[in-house]
Amino acid sequence: MSNIKKLKPGSPIKAFIPAIISLAIFALSSIFLGIALGLKMLGVIILIYAVISFGYYYCQTKSYVYLISSSYLLAFGLVLLTVQTQYSGNKLLDFPPISRMFLVWMVISWIWLFYLMVTSQTRWKGNQILELAAVGIEQSNNAYTERPFPVREIDFTKDEILALAAYLRKNLICIHYNDGDKVYFVPINNSAAMDLLFGSGFNVVEDTWIAFDPSGMVSVHISRKTYLSYKENLAFDQLCNNLGNLFIEFMDDYRKGEDVRIMDKLNTVKSDFFG
């Protein structure tokens, strides 16, 4: 397949917002309250991130990536809360055994998390989906339209589509929404994943989705925001058709027990890190 990226590069700013907030609170609290309380404040912020990582993202996705991330953040926060900043000459008081235990826990979790990061397992893969959908499509003057695009009818059961949804969610590919027996798959990238926590939920007009109707019809809607994220105007009907057929391939691979093929397809695309 072509290695030419069709999507515009993502902005790195949003990815660093949690770190910027944490450092700002640490700096301000250290200046006005002292370094000891500054570290405690930072520890509390890190623990809040751990709760969000586990309580929201892990519970939503059941992805072990968020389980490891939560473990690291929890240990990191507890290290900051238990370590002493004023040297007393007594190592058991300055760096007590409980802090050392949390430190070992933190290092082990960090090594595991770092491995997941360098192997691209921590990234949401919505951009890879959009890149695959754009393969072989050239620039066109075809006008964008907000209407859903019918792809074709296929045979599937409700259990099969829900099992596929759980697999795609667990592997950070997309999330799904139910409208009765109709299932909408929404590709998610790293930027959109951060918005999930504060978003208002699924919007059939503003979101990009691939729908599996109980009648068997597969249809696609590409939002204006998604379409404009491509570097050039692409043949719109072809783009919708490719996106729908990609998810039909996912369904075929999954029910044949060849779900590894789904990841193989996505791994052929080197997506932008900040997307």
C-alpha atoms as a PDB file:
ATOM      1  CA  MET A   1       0.000   0.000   0.000  1.00  0.00           C
ATOM      2  CA  SER A   2       1.007   3.630  -0.364  1.00  0.00           C
ATOM      3  CA  ASN A   3       3.085   5.140   2.434  1.00  0.00           C
ATOM      4  CA  ILE A   4       1.900   8.653   1.609  1.00  0.00           C
ATOM      5  CA  LYS A   5      -0.103  10.055   4.512  1.00  0.00           C
ATOM      6  CA  LYS A   6      -3.405  11.612   3.569  1.00  0.00           C
ATOM      7  CA  LEU A   7      -4.199  13.152   6.970  1.00  0.00           C
ATOM      8  CA  LYS A   8      -2.870  16.446   8.262  1.00  0.00           C
ATOM      9  CA  PRO A   9      -0.492  16.156  11.241  1.00  0.00           C
ATOM     10  CA  GLY A  10      -2.115  16.452  14.651  1.00  0.00           C
ATOM     11  CA  SER A  11      -1.384  19.162  17.190  1.00  0.00           C
ATOM     12  CA  PRO A  12       0.897  18.146  20.095  1.00  0.00           C
ATOM     13  CA  ILE A  13      -0.596  20.732  22.458  1.00  0.00           C
ATOM     14  CA  LYS A  14      -3.616  18.727  23.623  1.00  0.00           C
ATOM     15  CA  ALA A  15      -1.473  15.685  24.461  1.00  0.00           C
ATOM     16  CA  PHE A  16       0.511  17.731  26.972  1.00  0.00           C
ATOM     17  CA  ILE A  17      -2.441  19.467  28.669  1.00  0.00           C
ATOM     18  CA  PRO A  18      -2.525  17.084  31.693  1.00  0.00           C
ATOM     19  CA  ALA A  19       1.230  17.492  32.207  1.00  0.00           C
ATOM     20  CA  ILE A  20       0.998  21.286  31.846  1.00  0.00           C
ATOM     21  CA  ILE A  21      -1.817  21.435  34.418  1.00  0.00           C
ATOM     22  CA  SER A  22       0.124  19.230  36.842  1.00  0.00           C
ATOM     23  CA  LEU A  23       3.337  21.236  36.551  1.00  0.00           C
ATOM     24  CA  ALA A  24       1.482  24.550  36.894  1.00  0.00           C
ATOM     25  CA  ILE A  25      -0.238  23.417  40.101  1.00  0.00           C
ATOM     26  CA  PHE A  26       3.044  22.016  41.446  1.00  0.00           C
ATOM     27  CA  ALA A  27       4.923  25.224  40.655  1.00  0.00           C
ATOM     28  CA  LEU A  28       2.310  27.545  42.170  1.00  0.00           C
ATOM     29  CA  SER A  29       1.791  25.466  45.313  1.00  0.00           C
ATOM     30  CA  SER A  30       5.561  25.125  45.796  1.00  0.00           C
ATOM     31  CA  ILE A  31       6.070  28.879  45.481  1.00  0.00           C
ATOM     32  CA  PHE A  32       3.297  29.854  47.881  1.00  0.00           C
ATOM     33  CA  LEU A  33       3.154  26.837  50.230  1.00  0.00           C
ATOM     34  CA  GLY A  34       6.626  25.303  50.009  1.00  0.00           C
ATOM     35  CA  ILE A  35       8.136  22.362  48.148  1.00  0.00           C
ATOM     36  CA  ALA A  36       6.845  19.781  50.622  1.00  0.00           C
ATOM     37  CA  LEU A  37       3.205  20.743  50.110  1.00  0.00           C
ATOM     38  CA  GLY A  38       3.888  21.240  46.399  1.00  0.00           C
ATOM     39  CA  LEU A  39       4.881  17.575  46.085  1.00  0.00           C
ATOM     40  CA  LYS A  40       1.815  16.506  48.064  1.00  0.00           C
ATOM     41  CA  MET A  41      -0.395  18.568  45.774  1.00  0.00           C
ATOM     42  CA  LEU A  42       1.237  16.993  42.741  1.00  0.00           C
ATOM     43  CA  GLY A  43       0.687  13.570  44.277  1.00  0.00           C
ATOM     44  CA  VAL A  44      -3.021  14.314  44.696  1.00  0.00           C
ATOM     45  CA  ILE A  45      -3.278  15.448  41.047  1.00  0.00           C
ATOM     46  CA  ILE A  46      -1.548  12.258  39.879  1.00  0.00           C
ATOM     47  CA  LEU A  47      -3.961  10.167  41.960  1.00  0.00           C
ATOM     48  CA  ILE A  48      -6.897  11.984  40.334  1.00  0.00           C
ATOM     49  CA  TYR A  49      -5.463  11.062  36.935  1.00  0.00           C
ATOM     50  CA  ALA A  50      -5.182   7.446  38.120  1.00  0.00           C
ATOM     51  CA  VAL A  51      -8.855   7.436  39.127  1.00  0.00           C
ATOM     52  CA  ILE A  52      -9.839   8.875  35.726  1.00  0.00           C
ATOM     53  CA  SER A  53      -7.654   6.379  33.876  1.00  0.00           C
ATOM     54  CA  PHE A  54      -9.173   3.411  35.694  1.00  0.00           C
ATOM     55  CA  GLY A  55     -12.642   4.630  36.622  1.00  0.00           C
ATOM     56  CA  TYR A  56     -13.473   6.016  33.183  1.00  0.00           C
ATOM     57  CA  TYR A  57     -11.139   4.837  30.438  1.00  0.00           C
ATOM     58  CA  TYR A  58     -10.463   1.300  31.666  1.00  0.00           C
ATOM     59  CA  CYS A  59     -14.087   0.721  32.617  1.00  0.00           C
ATOM     60  CA  GLN A  60     -15.171   2.019  29.200  1.00  0.00           C
ATOM     61  CA  THR A  61     -12.679   0.031  27.127  1.00  0.00           C
ATOM     62  CA  LYS A  62     -11.488  -2.902  29.290  1.00  0.00           C
ATOM     63  CA  SER A  63      -8.100  -2.276  27.653  1.00  0.00           C
ATOM     64  CA  TYR A  64      -5.119  -3.464  29.710  1.00  0.00           C
ATOM     65  CA  VAL A  65      -3.269  -0.370  28.444  1.00  0.00           C
ATOM     66  CA  TYR A  66      -5.360   1.762  30.789  1.00  0.00           C
ATOM     67  CA  LEU A  67      -4.963  -0.799  33.565  1.00  0.00           C
ATOM     68  CA  ILE A  68      -1.166  -0.484  33.387  1.00  0.00           C
ATOM     69  CA  SER A  69      -1.406   3.292  33.059  1.00  0.00           C
ATOM     70  CA  SER A  70      -3.628   3.441  36.153  1.00  0.00           C
ATOM     71  CA  SER A  71      -1.193   1.258  38.063  1.00  0.00           C
ATOM     72  CA  TYR A  72       1.725   3.544  37.193  1.00  0.00           C
ATOM     73  CA  LEU A  73      -0.159   6.724  38.088  1.00  0.00           C
ATOM     74  CA  LEU A  74      -1.398   5.258  41.371  1.00  0.00           C
ATOM     75  CA  ALA A  75       2.110   4.194  42.427  1.00  0.00           C
ATOM     76  CA  PHE A  76       3.605   7.531  41.326  1.00  0.00           C
ATOM     77  CA  GLY A  77       1.041   9.492  43.318  1.00  0.00           C
ATOM     78  CA  LEU A  78       1.571   7.374  46.427  1.00  0.00           C
ATOM     79  CA  VAL A  79       5.346   7.834  46.210  1.00  0.00           C
ATOM     80  CA  LEU A  80       4.893  11.598  46.202  1.00  0.00           C
ATOM     81  CA  LEU A  81       2.478  11.475  49.125  1.00  0.00           C
ATOM     82  CA  THR A  82       4.622   9.240  51.354  1.00  0.00           C
ATOM     83  CA  VAL A  83       8.172  10.422  50.685  1.00  0.00           C
ATOM     84  CA  GLN A  84       9.645  13.055  53.006  1.00  0.00           C
ATOM     85  CA  THR A  85      11.307  16.148  51.568  1.00  0.00           C
ATOM     86  CA  GLN A  86      13.120  17.383  54.668  1.00  0.00           C
ATOM     87  CA  TYR A  87      16.260  15.429  55.440  1.00  0.00           C
ATOM     88  CA  SER A  88      16.389  14.194  59.035  1.00  0.00           C
ATOM     89  CA  GLY A  89      19.386  11.873  58.787  1.00  0.00           C
ATOM     90  CA  ASN A  90      17.191   8.820  59.299  1.00  0.00           C
ATOM     91  CA  LYS A  91      16.632   6.957  56.020  1.00  0.00           C
ATOM     92  CA  LEU A  92      13.625   5.114  57.445  1.00  0.00           C
ATOM     93  CA  LEU A  93      11.969   8.471  58.062  1.00  0.00           C
ATOM     94  CA  ASP A  94      13.139  10.281  54.922  1.00  0.00           C
ATOM     95  CA  PHE A  95      12.434   7.434  52.532  1.00  0.00           C
ATOM     96  CA  PRO A  96      10.272   4.968  54.484  1.00  0.00           C
ATOM     97  CA  PRO A  97       9.755   1.348  53.404  1.00  0.00           C
ATOM     98  CA  ILE A  98       6.239   2.110  52.183  1.00  0.00           C
ATOM     99  CA  SER A  99       7.648   4.737  49.797  1.00  0.00           C
ATOM    100  CA  ARG A 100      10.253   2.279  48.539  1.00  0.00           C
ATOM    101  CA  MET A 101       7.559  -0.315  47.888  1.00  0.00           C
ATOM    102  CA  PHE A 102       5.539   2.226  45.900  1.00  0.00           C
ATOM    103  CA  LEU A 103       8.697   3.248  44.015  1.00  0.00           C
ATOM    104  CA  VAL A 104       9.422  -0.328  42.936  1.00  0.00           C
ATOM    105  CA  TRP A 105       5.789  -0.688  41.895  1.00  0.00           C
ATOM    106  CA  MET A 106       6.037   2.568  39.931  1.00  0.00           C
ATOM    107  CA  VAL A 107       9.237   1.557  38.112  1.00  0.00           C
ATOM    108  CA  ILE A 108       7.859  -1.849  37.109  1.00  0.00           C
ATOM    109  CA  SER A 109       4.627  -0.248  35.835  1.00  0.00           C
ATOM    110  CA  TRP A 110       6.600   2.439  33.990  1.00  0.00           C
ATOM    111  CA  ILE A 111       8.801  -0.129  32.203  1.00  0.00           C
ATOM    112  CA  TRP A 112       5.713  -2.049  31.116  1.00  0.00           C
ATOM    113  CA  LEU A 113       3.963   1.146  30.020  1.00  0.00           C
ATOM    114  CA  PHE A 114       7.061   2.323  28.134  1.00  0.00           C
ATOM    115  CA  TYR A 115       7.127  -0.975  26.234  1.00  0.00           C
ATOM    116  CA  LEU A 116       3.477  -0.489  25.275  1.00  0.00           C
ATOM    117  CA  MET A 117       4.271   3.053  24.129  1.00  0.00           C
ATOM    118  CA  VAL A 118       7.234   2.136  21.904  1.00  0.00           C
ATOM    119  CA  THR A 119       5.206  -0.678  20.339  1.00  0.00           C
ATOM    120  CA  SER A 120       2.355   1.798  19.590  1.00  0.00           C
ATOM    121  CA  GLN A 121      -0.137  -0.083  21.768  1.00  0.00           C
ATOM    122  CA  THR A 122      -1.106   2.960  23.835  1.00  0.00           C
ATOM    123  CA  ARG A 123      -2.398   4.996  20.897  1.00  0.00           C
ATOM    124  CA  TRP A 124      -5.979   5.113  19.748  1.00  0.00           C
ATOM    125  CA  LYS A 125      -6.055   3.971  16.135  1.00  0.00           C
ATOM    126  CA  GLY A 126      -8.755   6.128  14.592  1.00  0.00           C
ATOM    127  CA  ASN A 127      -6.247   7.869  12.335  1.00  0.00           C
ATOM    128  CA  GLN A 128      -5.035   4.534  10.986  1.00  0.00           C
ATOM    129  CA  ILE A 129      -8.663   3.751  10.112  1.00  0.00           C
ATOM    130  CA  LEU A 130      -8.989   7.018   8.198  1.00  0.00           C
ATOM    131  CA  GLU A 131      -5.659   6.493   6.425  1.00  0.00           C
ATOM    132  CA  LEU A 132      -6.674   2.996   5.319  1.00  0.00           C
ATOM    133  CA  ALA A 133      -9.994   4.325   4.043  1.00  0.00           C
ATOM    134  CA  ALA A 134      -8.130   6.869   1.894  1.00  0.00           C
ATOM    135  CA  VAL A 135      -5.809   4.347   0.202  1.00  0.00           C
ATOM    136  CA  GLY A 136      -6.116   4.519  -3.572  1.00  0.00           C
ATOM    137  CA  ILE A 137      -8.373   7.574  -3.545  1.00  0.00           C
ATOM    138  CA  GLU A 138      -7.149  10.597  -5.444  1.00  0.00           C
ATOM    139  CA  GLN A 139      -8.036  14.261  -5.226  1.00  0.00           C
ATOM    140  CA  SER A 140     -11.479  15.115  -6.526  1.00  0.00           C
ATOM    141  CA  ASN A 141     -13.858  18.047  -6.772  1.00  0.00           C
ATOM    142  CA  ASN A 142     -16.757  15.911  -5.571  1.00  0.00           C
ATOM    143  CA  ALA A 143     -18.629  17.980  -3.006  1.00  0.00           C
ATOM    144  CA  TYR A 144     -18.798  16.923   0.637  1.00  0.00           C
ATOM    145  CA  THR A 145     -22.242  15.969   1.874  1.00  0.00           C
ATOM    146  CA  GLU A 146     -23.498  15.197   5.355  1.00  0.00           C
ATOM    147  CA  ARG A 147     -25.854  12.495   4.123  1.00  0.00           C
ATOM    148  CA  PRO A 148     -25.146   8.911   5.219  1.00  0.00           C
ATOM    149  CA  PHE A 149     -23.704   6.743   2.452  1.00  0.00           C
ATOM    150  CA  PRO A 150     -25.170   3.211   2.076  1.00  0.00           C
ATOM    151  CA  VAL A 151     -22.376   0.710   1.381  1.00  0.00           C
ATOM    152  CA  ARG A 152     -24.023  -2.719   1.047  1.00  0.00           C
ATOM    153  CA  GLU A 153     -25.953  -5.368   2.928  1.00  0.00           C
ATOM    154  CA  ILE A 154     -24.236  -8.225   4.753  1.00  0.00           C
ATOM    155  CA  ASP A 155     -25.346 -11.026   7.064  1.00  0.00           C
ATOM    156  CA  PHE A 156     -24.453 -10.770  10.742  1.00  0.00           C
ATOM    157  CA  THR A 157     -26.000 -11.471  14.118  1.00  0.00           C
ATOM    158  CA  LYS A 158     -26.389  -9.083  17.040  1.00  0.00           C
ATOM    159  CA  ASP A 159     -23.994 -11.167  19.122  1.00  0.00           C
ATOM    160  CA  GLU A 160     -21.358 -11.007  16.374  1.00  0.00           C
ATOM    161  CA  ILE A 161     -21.547  -7.234  16.031  1.00  0.00           C
ATOM    162  CA  LEU A 162     -21.402  -6.682  19.802  1.00  0.00           C
ATOM    163  CA  ALA A 163     -18.430  -9.052  20.104  1.00  0.00           C
ATOM    164  CA  LEU A 164     -16.640  -7.123  17.356  1.00  0.00           C
ATOM    165  CA  ALA A 165     -17.468  -3.858  19.150  1.00  0.00           C
ATOM    166  CA  ALA A 166     -15.900  -5.150  22.385  1.00  0.00           C
ATOM    167  CA  TYR A 167     -12.759  -6.244  20.505  1.00  0.00           C
ATOM    168  CA  LEU A 168     -12.338  -2.906  18.696  1.00  0.00           C
ATOM    169  CA  ARG A 169     -12.907  -0.979  21.925  1.00  0.00           C
ATOM    170  CA  LYS A 170     -10.426  -3.092  23.892  1.00  0.00           C
ATOM    171  CA  ASN A 171      -7.768  -2.550  21.215  1.00  0.00           C
ATOM    172  CA  LEU A 172      -8.370   1.229  21.166  1.00  0.00           C
ATOM    173  CA  ILE A 173      -9.660   1.280  17.599  1.00  0.00           C
ATOM    174  CA  CYS A 174     -13.120   2.761  18.063  1.00  0.00           C
ATOM    175  CA  ILE A 175     -16.037   2.971  20.445  1.00  0.00           C
ATOM    176  CA  HIS A 176     -19.624   2.079  19.693  1.00  0.00           C
ATOM    177  CA  TYR A 177     -23.094   3.362  20.462  1.00  0.00           C
ATOM    178  CA  ASN A 178     -26.395   1.515  20.310  1.00  0.00           C
ATOM    179  CA  ASP A 179     -29.623   2.886  18.893  1.00  0.00           C
ATOM    180  CA  GLY A 180     -31.968   0.015  19.536  1.00  0.00           C
ATOM    181  CA  ASP A 181     -30.471  -2.881  17.573  1.00  0.00           C
ATOM    182  CA  LYS A 182     -28.503  -0.521  15.318  1.00  0.00           C
ATOM    183  CA  VAL A 183     -24.811  -0.214  16.215  1.00  0.00           C
ATOM    184  CA  TYR A 184     -22.655   2.798  15.369  1.00  0.00           C
ATOM    185  CA  PHE A 185     -18.862   2.430  15.322  1.00  0.00           C
ATOM    186  CA  VAL A 186     -16.993   5.697  15.895  1.00  0.00           C
ATOM    187  CA  PRO A 187     -13.235   5.698  15.096  1.00  0.00           C
ATOM    188  CA  ILE A 188     -11.279   7.493  17.833  1.00  0.00           C
ATOM    189  CA  ASN A 189      -7.800   9.018  17.741  1.00  0.00           C
ATOM    190  CA  ASN A 190      -5.730  10.227  20.705  1.00  0.00           C
ATOM    191  CA  SER A 191      -7.126  13.735  20.517  1.00  0.00           C
ATOM    192  CA  ALA A 192     -10.732  12.545  20.423  1.00  0.00           C
ATOM    193  CA  ALA A 193     -10.062  10.114  23.293  1.00  0.00           C
ATOM    194  CA  MET A 194      -9.259  13.050  25.569  1.00  0.00           C
ATOM    195  CA  ASP A 195     -12.557  14.672  24.593  1.00  0.00           C
ATOM    196  CA  LEU A 196     -14.563  11.564  25.524  1.00  0.00           C
ATOM    197  CA  LEU A 197     -14.326  12.376  29.230  1.00  0.00           C
ATOM    198  CA  PHE A 198     -15.948  15.792  28.818  1.00  0.00           C
ATOM    199  CA  GLY A 199     -17.940  15.211  25.629  1.00  0.00           C
ATOM    200  CA  SER A 200     -21.702  15.231  25.371  1.00  0.00           C
ATOM    201  CA  GLY A 201     -21.883  11.762  23.849  1.00  0.00           C
ATOM    202  CA  PHE A 202     -22.637  10.511  20.376  1.00  0.00           C
ATOM    203  CA  ASN A 203     -23.833  13.002  17.761  1.00  0.00           C
ATOM    204  CA  VAL A 204     -25.104  11.450  14.558  1.00  0.00           C
ATOM    205  CA  VAL A 205     -24.365  14.637  12.568  1.00  0.00           C
ATOM    206  CA  GLU A 206     -21.044  15.755  14.041  1.00  0.00           C
ATOM    207  CA  ASP A 207     -19.361  12.350  14.455  1.00  0.00           C
ATOM    208  CA  THR A 208     -17.870  10.044  11.856  1.00  0.00           C
ATOM    209  CA  TRP A 209     -19.464   6.617  12.095  1.00  0.00           C
ATOM    210  CA  ILE A 210     -19.994   3.248  10.461  1.00  0.00           C
ATOM    211  CA  ALA A 211     -23.449   1.838  11.199  1.00  0.00           C
ATOM    212  CA  PHE A 212     -24.587  -1.783  11.153  1.00  0.00           C
ATOM    213  CA  ASP A 213     -28.371  -1.866  10.874  1.00  0.00           C
ATOM    214  CA  PRO A 214     -30.302  -4.989  12.001  1.00  0.00           C
ATOM    215  CA  SER A 215     -31.620  -5.238   8.421  1.00  0.00           C
ATOM    216  CA  GLY A 216     -28.023  -5.978   7.358  1.00  0.00           C
ATOM    217  CA  MET A 217     -27.302  -2.619   5.734  1.00  0.00           C
ATOM    218  CA  VAL A 218     -23.914  -1.061   6.449  1.00  0.00           C
ATOM    219  CA  SER A 219     -23.831   2.712   6.056  1.00  0.00           C
ATOM    220  CA  VAL A 220     -21.212   5.409   6.637  1.00  0.00           C
ATOM    221  CA  HIS A 221     -21.229   9.031   7.694  1.00  0.00           C
ATOM    222  CA  ILE A 222     -18.053  11.133   7.513  1.00  0.00           C
ATOM    223  CA  SER A 223     -18.238  14.379   9.454  1.00  0.00           C
ATOM    224  CA  ARG A 224     -17.128  17.658   7.935  1.00  0.00           C
ATOM    225  CA  LYS A 225     -14.391  17.905  10.582  1.00  0.00           C
ATOM    226  CA  THR A 226     -13.044  14.489   9.599  1.00  0.00           C
ATOM    227  CA  TYR A 227     -13.205  15.257   5.886  1.00  0.00           C
ATOM    228  CA  LEU A 228     -11.288  18.516   6.372  1.00  0.00           C
ATOM    229  CA  SER A 229      -8.614  16.648   8.351  1.00  0.00           C
ATOM    230  CA  TYR A 230      -7.410  15.194   5.046  1.00  0.00           C
ATOM    231  CA  LYS A 231      -4.741  17.220   3.258  1.00  0.00           C
ATOM    232  CA  GLU A 232      -6.789  17.415   0.068  1.00  0.00           C
ATOM    233  CA  ASN A 233     -10.342  16.943  -1.140  1.00  0.00           C
ATOM    234  CA  LEU A 234     -10.834  13.240  -1.796  1.00  0.00           C
ATOM    235  CA  ALA A 235     -13.539  11.558  -3.874  1.00  0.00           C
ATOM    236  CA  PHE A 236     -16.186  11.522  -1.150  1.00  0.00           C
ATOM    237  CA  ASP A 237     -18.320   8.552  -2.228  1.00  0.00           C
ATOM    238  CA  GLN A 238     -15.207   6.422  -2.695  1.00  0.00           C
ATOM    239  CA  LEU A 239     -13.943   7.416   0.741  1.00  0.00           C
ATOM    240  CA  CYS A 240     -17.238   6.428   2.367  1.00  0.00           C
ATOM    241  CA  ASN A 241     -17.332   3.167   0.431  1.00  0.00           C
ATOM    242  CA  ASN A 242     -13.770   2.275   1.465  1.00  0.00           C
ATOM    243  CA  LEU A 243     -14.493   3.046   5.120  1.00  0.00           C
ATOM    244  CA  GLY A 244     -17.615   0.894   5.171  1.00  0.00           C
ATOM    245  CA  ASN A 245     -15.930  -2.028   3.410  1.00  0.00           C
ATOM    246  CA  LEU A 246     -12.999  -1.821   5.822  1.00  0.00           C
ATOM    247  CA  PHE A 247     -15.344  -2.502   8.747  1.00  0.00           C
ATOM    248  CA  ILE A 248     -17.060  -5.255   6.798  1.00  0.00           C
ATOM    249  CA  GLU A 249     -13.602  -6.838   6.424  1.00  0.00           C
ATOM    250  CA  PHE A 250     -13.116  -6.455  10.178  1.00  0.00           C
ATOM    251  CA  MET A 251     -16.372  -8.330  10.744  1.00  0.00           C
ATOM    252  CA  ASP A 252     -15.343 -11.118   8.363  1.00  0.00           C
ATOM    253  CA  ASP A 253     -11.917 -11.446  10.002  1.00  0.00           C
ATOM    254  CA  TYR A 254     -13.357 -11.477  13.507  1.00  0.00           C
ATOM    255  CA  ARG A 255     -16.024 -14.110  12.998  1.00  0.00           C
ATOM    256  CA  LYS A 256     -13.521 -16.379  11.230  1.00  0.00           C
ATOM    257  CA  GLY A 257     -11.336 -16.203  14.345  1.00  0.00           C
ATOM    258  CA  GLU A 258      -8.703 -14.220  12.455  1.00  0.00           C
ATOM    259  CA  ASP A 259      -8.954 -11.004  14.464  1.00  0.00           C
ATOM    260  CA  VAL A 260      -5.168 -10.686  14.324  1.00  0.00           C
ATOM    261  CA  ARG A 261      -5.697  -9.681  10.684  1.00  0.00           C
ATOM    262  CA  ILE A 262      -7.476  -6.542  11.903  1.00  0.00           C
ATOM    263  CA  MET A 263      -4.369  -5.442  13.787  1.00  0.00           C
ATOM    264  CA  ASP A 264      -2.156  -6.452  10.856  1.00  0.00           C
ATOM    265  CA  LYS A 265      -4.090  -4.105   8.573  1.00  0.00           C
ATOM    266  CA  LEU A 266      -3.843  -1.222  11.045  1.00  0.00           C
ATOM    267  CA  ASN A 267      -0.149  -1.812  11.650  1.00  0.00           C
ATOM    268  CA  THR A 268       0.589  -1.210   7.969  1.00  0.00           C
ATOM    269  CA  VAL A 269      -0.169   2.459   8.642  1.00  0.00           C
ATOM    270  CA  LYS A 270       2.293   4.659  10.524  1.00  0.00           C
ATOM    271  CA  SER A 271       0.021   7.279  11.973  1.00  0.00           C
ATOM    272  CA  ASP A 272       0.968  10.642  13.393  1.00  0.00           C
ATOM    273  CA  PHE A 273       1.875  10.277  17.097  1.00  0.00           C
ATOM    274  CA  PHE A 274      -0.204  13.277  18.189  1.00  0.00           C
ATOM    275  CA  GLY A 275      -3.272  12.337  16.152  1.00  0.00           C
END
